[in-house]
Amino acid sequence: VQLVESGGGLVPAGESLRLSCAASGGTFSSYAMMWYRQAPGKTRDFVGLITASGGGTTYAGSVKGRFTISRDNAKQTVYLQMNSLKPEDTAVYYCHMGGTSYWGQGTQVTISS
């Protein structure tokens, strides 16, 4: 399985970004997918999760109400819509296939104040 994130960039505070994570190989629709982020010098933290069917989501408190995870199982892609971005959202964002050792390479998100 290969996971490839895209969509990161540099945007001012208050703006939006949408990250994508495209999977190849494996049975994407069988797995919950998660997003994590890691800021410089900090641990990799959970951002959110979407169930295999896409029917359920869970978010970290710091992003709840601002971030939305969705998925398209036909396209084998999971998305992270990030709104009302803050400088503290600056990090490398990773997608992860739940219950496996598969991680993407990460995409940098930088929010300017």
C-alpha atoms as a PDB file:
ATOM      1  CA  VAL A   1       0.000   0.000   0.000  1.00  0.00           C
ATOM      2  CA  GLN A   2       1.208   3.489  -0.833  1.00  0.00           C
ATOM      3  CA  LEU A   3      -0.301   6.668   0.612  1.00  0.00           C
ATOM      4  CA  VAL A   4       0.501  10.003  -1.021  1.00  0.00           C
ATOM      5  CA  GLU A   5      -0.586  13.298   0.510  1.00  0.00           C
ATOM      6  CA  SER A   6      -0.961  16.540  -1.413  1.00  0.00           C
ATOM      7  CA  GLY A   7      -2.480  19.976  -1.036  1.00  0.00           C
ATOM      8  CA  GLY A   8      -0.248  21.539   1.576  1.00  0.00           C
ATOM      9  CA  GLY A   9       1.086  25.052   1.286  1.00  0.00           C
ATOM     10  CA  LEU A  10       1.509  28.473   2.852  1.00  0.00           C
ATOM     11  CA  VAL A  11      -1.638  30.459   3.559  1.00  0.00           C
ATOM     12  CA  PRO A  12      -2.536  33.353   5.866  1.00  0.00           C
ATOM     13  CA  ALA A  13      -4.456  32.803   9.072  1.00  0.00           C
ATOM     14  CA  GLY A  14      -8.191  32.517   8.563  1.00  0.00           C
ATOM     15  CA  GLU A  15      -7.903  30.899   5.165  1.00  0.00           C
ATOM     16  CA  SER A  16      -8.635  27.307   4.108  1.00  0.00           C
ATOM     17  CA  LEU A  17      -6.774  24.374   2.635  1.00  0.00           C
ATOM     18  CA  ARG A  18      -7.850  20.946   1.518  1.00  0.00           C
ATOM     19  CA  LEU A  19      -5.429  18.055   1.826  1.00  0.00           C
ATOM     20  CA  SER A  20      -5.775  14.837  -0.099  1.00  0.00           C
ATOM     21  CA  CYS A  21      -4.343  11.398   0.556  1.00  0.00           C
ATOM     22  CA  ALA A  22      -4.472   8.986  -2.361  1.00  0.00           C
ATOM     23  CA  ALA A  23      -4.031   5.283  -1.707  1.00  0.00           C
ATOM     24  CA  SER A  24      -2.813   2.650  -4.107  1.00  0.00           C
ATOM     25  CA  GLY A  25      -2.800  -1.073  -3.491  1.00  0.00           C
ATOM     26  CA  GLY A  26      -4.685  -2.791  -0.714  1.00  0.00           C
ATOM     27  CA  THR A  27      -8.389  -2.558  -0.038  1.00  0.00           C
ATOM     28  CA  PHE A  28      -8.837   1.090   0.849  1.00  0.00           C
ATOM     29  CA  SER A  29     -12.545   0.799   1.589  1.00  0.00           C
ATOM     30  CA  SER A  30     -11.893  -1.749   4.348  1.00  0.00           C
ATOM     31  CA  TYR A  31      -9.915   0.595   6.559  1.00  0.00           C
ATOM     32  CA  ALA A  32     -10.539   3.579   8.734  1.00  0.00           C
ATOM     33  CA  MET A  33      -8.267   6.448   7.750  1.00  0.00           C
ATOM     34  CA  MET A  34      -6.653   8.940  10.056  1.00  0.00           C
ATOM     35  CA  TRP A  35      -4.905  12.273   9.797  1.00  0.00           C
ATOM     36  CA  TYR A  36      -2.057  13.223  12.114  1.00  0.00           C
ATOM     37  CA  ARG A  37       0.185  16.261  12.278  1.00  0.00           C
ATOM     38  CA  GLN A  38       3.627  16.997  13.616  1.00  0.00           C
ATOM     39  CA  ALA A  39       4.914  20.462  14.366  1.00  0.00           C
ATOM     40  CA  PRO A  40       8.676  21.109  14.623  1.00  0.00           C
ATOM     41  CA  GLY A  41      10.084  19.696  17.841  1.00  0.00           C
ATOM     42  CA  LYS A  42       6.770  18.143  18.864  1.00  0.00           C
ATOM     43  CA  THR A  43       5.167  14.717  18.820  1.00  0.00           C
ATOM     44  CA  ARG A  44       2.956  13.466  16.019  1.00  0.00           C
ATOM     45  CA  ASP A  45      -0.587  14.205  17.151  1.00  0.00           C
ATOM     46  CA  PHE A  46      -3.942  12.789  16.152  1.00  0.00           C
ATOM     47  CA  VAL A  47      -6.089  15.154  14.103  1.00  0.00           C
ATOM     48  CA  GLY A  48      -9.047  13.042  13.098  1.00  0.00           C
ATOM     49  CA  LEU A  49     -10.442   9.771  11.847  1.00  0.00           C
ATOM     50  CA  ILE A  50     -13.041   8.593   9.370  1.00  0.00           C
ATOM     51  CA  THR A  51     -14.535   5.114   9.448  1.00  0.00           C
ATOM     52  CA  ALA A  52     -14.125   2.692   6.561  1.00  0.00           C
ATOM     53  CA  SER A  53     -17.587   3.437   5.211  1.00  0.00           C
ATOM     54  CA  GLY A  54     -17.249   7.163   5.766  1.00  0.00           C
ATOM     55  CA  GLY A  55     -20.244   7.162   8.049  1.00  0.00           C
ATOM     56  CA  GLY A  56     -18.445   8.311  11.157  1.00  0.00           C
ATOM     57  CA  THR A  57     -15.779  10.825  12.066  1.00  0.00           C
ATOM     58  CA  THR A  58     -13.888  11.801  15.191  1.00  0.00           C
ATOM     59  CA  TYR A  59     -11.739  14.891  15.702  1.00  0.00           C
ATOM     60  CA  ALA A  60      -9.208  16.222  18.135  1.00  0.00           C
ATOM     61  CA  GLY A  61     -10.579  19.005  20.260  1.00  0.00           C
ATOM     62  CA  SER A  62      -8.174  21.531  18.787  1.00  0.00           C
ATOM     63  CA  VAL A  63      -9.628  21.153  15.286  1.00  0.00           C
ATOM     64  CA  LYS A  64     -13.232  20.213  15.959  1.00  0.00           C
ATOM     65  CA  GLY A  65     -15.598  22.534  14.153  1.00  0.00           C
ATOM     66  CA  ARG A  66     -12.875  23.768  11.802  1.00  0.00           C
ATOM     67  CA  PHE A  67     -11.631  20.592  10.086  1.00  0.00           C
ATOM     68  CA  THR A  68     -13.680  18.017   8.191  1.00  0.00           C
ATOM     69  CA  ILE A  69     -12.559  14.599   7.011  1.00  0.00           C
ATOM     70  CA  SER A  70     -14.250  12.905   4.078  1.00  0.00           C
ATOM     71  CA  ARG A  71     -13.425  10.046   1.762  1.00  0.00           C
ATOM     72  CA  ASP A  72     -14.207   8.760  -1.699  1.00  0.00           C
ATOM     73  CA  ASN A  73     -13.744   5.012  -1.674  1.00  0.00           C
ATOM     74  CA  ALA A  74     -14.167   4.797  -5.451  1.00  0.00           C
ATOM     75  CA  LYS A  75     -11.178   7.132  -5.838  1.00  0.00           C
ATOM     76  CA  GLN A  76      -9.325   5.579  -2.875  1.00  0.00           C
ATOM     77  CA  THR A  77      -8.800   9.040  -1.489  1.00  0.00           C
ATOM     78  CA  VAL A  78      -9.334  10.657   1.892  1.00  0.00           C
ATOM     79  CA  TYR A  79      -9.580  14.415   2.331  1.00  0.00           C
ATOM     80  CA  LEU A  80      -8.951  16.877   5.128  1.00  0.00           C
ATOM     81  CA  GLN A  81     -10.783  20.170   4.682  1.00  0.00           C
ATOM     82  CA  MET A  82      -9.221  22.762   6.978  1.00  0.00           C
ATOM     83  CA  ASN A  83     -11.030  26.041   7.562  1.00  0.00           C
ATOM     84  CA  SER A  84     -10.318  29.048   9.773  1.00  0.00           C
ATOM     85  CA  LEU A  85      -6.666  28.087   9.884  1.00  0.00           C
ATOM     86  CA  LYS A  86      -4.492  29.345  12.721  1.00  0.00           C
ATOM     87  CA  PRO A  87      -0.705  29.712  13.012  1.00  0.00           C
ATOM     88  CA  GLU A  88      -0.740  26.838  15.522  1.00  0.00           C
ATOM     89  CA  ASP A  89      -2.041  24.546  12.765  1.00  0.00           C
ATOM     90  CA  THR A  90       1.394  24.782  11.137  1.00  0.00           C
ATOM     91  CA  ALA A  91       2.774  21.250  10.858  1.00  0.00           C
ATOM     92  CA  VAL A  92       3.512  18.394   8.548  1.00  0.00           C
ATOM     93  CA  TYR A  93       0.264  16.515   7.996  1.00  0.00           C
ATOM     94  CA  TYR A  94       0.248  12.746   7.538  1.00  0.00           C
ATOM     95  CA  CYS A  95      -2.427  10.270   6.588  1.00  0.00           C
ATOM     96  CA  HIS A  96      -2.453   6.812   8.101  1.00  0.00           C
ATOM     97  CA  MET A  97      -4.359   3.651   7.287  1.00  0.00           C
ATOM     98  CA  GLY A  98      -5.871   2.468  10.552  1.00  0.00           C
ATOM     99  CA  GLY A  99      -4.603  -0.783  12.030  1.00  0.00           C
ATOM    100  CA  THR A 100      -1.671  -0.983   9.625  1.00  0.00           C
ATOM    101  CA  SER A 101       1.874   0.304   9.402  1.00  0.00           C
ATOM    102  CA  TYR A 102       1.117   2.430   6.338  1.00  0.00           C
ATOM    103  CA  TRP A 103       1.763   6.157   6.488  1.00  0.00           C
ATOM    104  CA  GLY A 104       2.072   8.822   3.856  1.00  0.00           C
ATOM    105  CA  GLN A 105       5.196  10.904   3.431  1.00  0.00           C
ATOM    106  CA  GLY A 106       3.544  14.029   4.779  1.00  0.00           C
ATOM    107  CA  THR A 107       2.661  17.423   3.362  1.00  0.00           C
ATOM    108  CA  GLN A 108       3.741  20.730   4.879  1.00  0.00           C
ATOM    109  CA  VAL A 109       1.088  23.194   5.994  1.00  0.00           C
ATOM    110  CA  THR A 110       2.287  26.627   7.072  1.00  0.00           C
ATOM    111  CA  ILE A 111      -0.070  29.291   8.371  1.00  0.00           C
ATOM    112  CA  SER A 112       1.207  32.838   8.528  1.00  0.00           C
ATOM    113  CA  SER A 113      -0.058  35.266  11.161  1.00  0.00           C
END
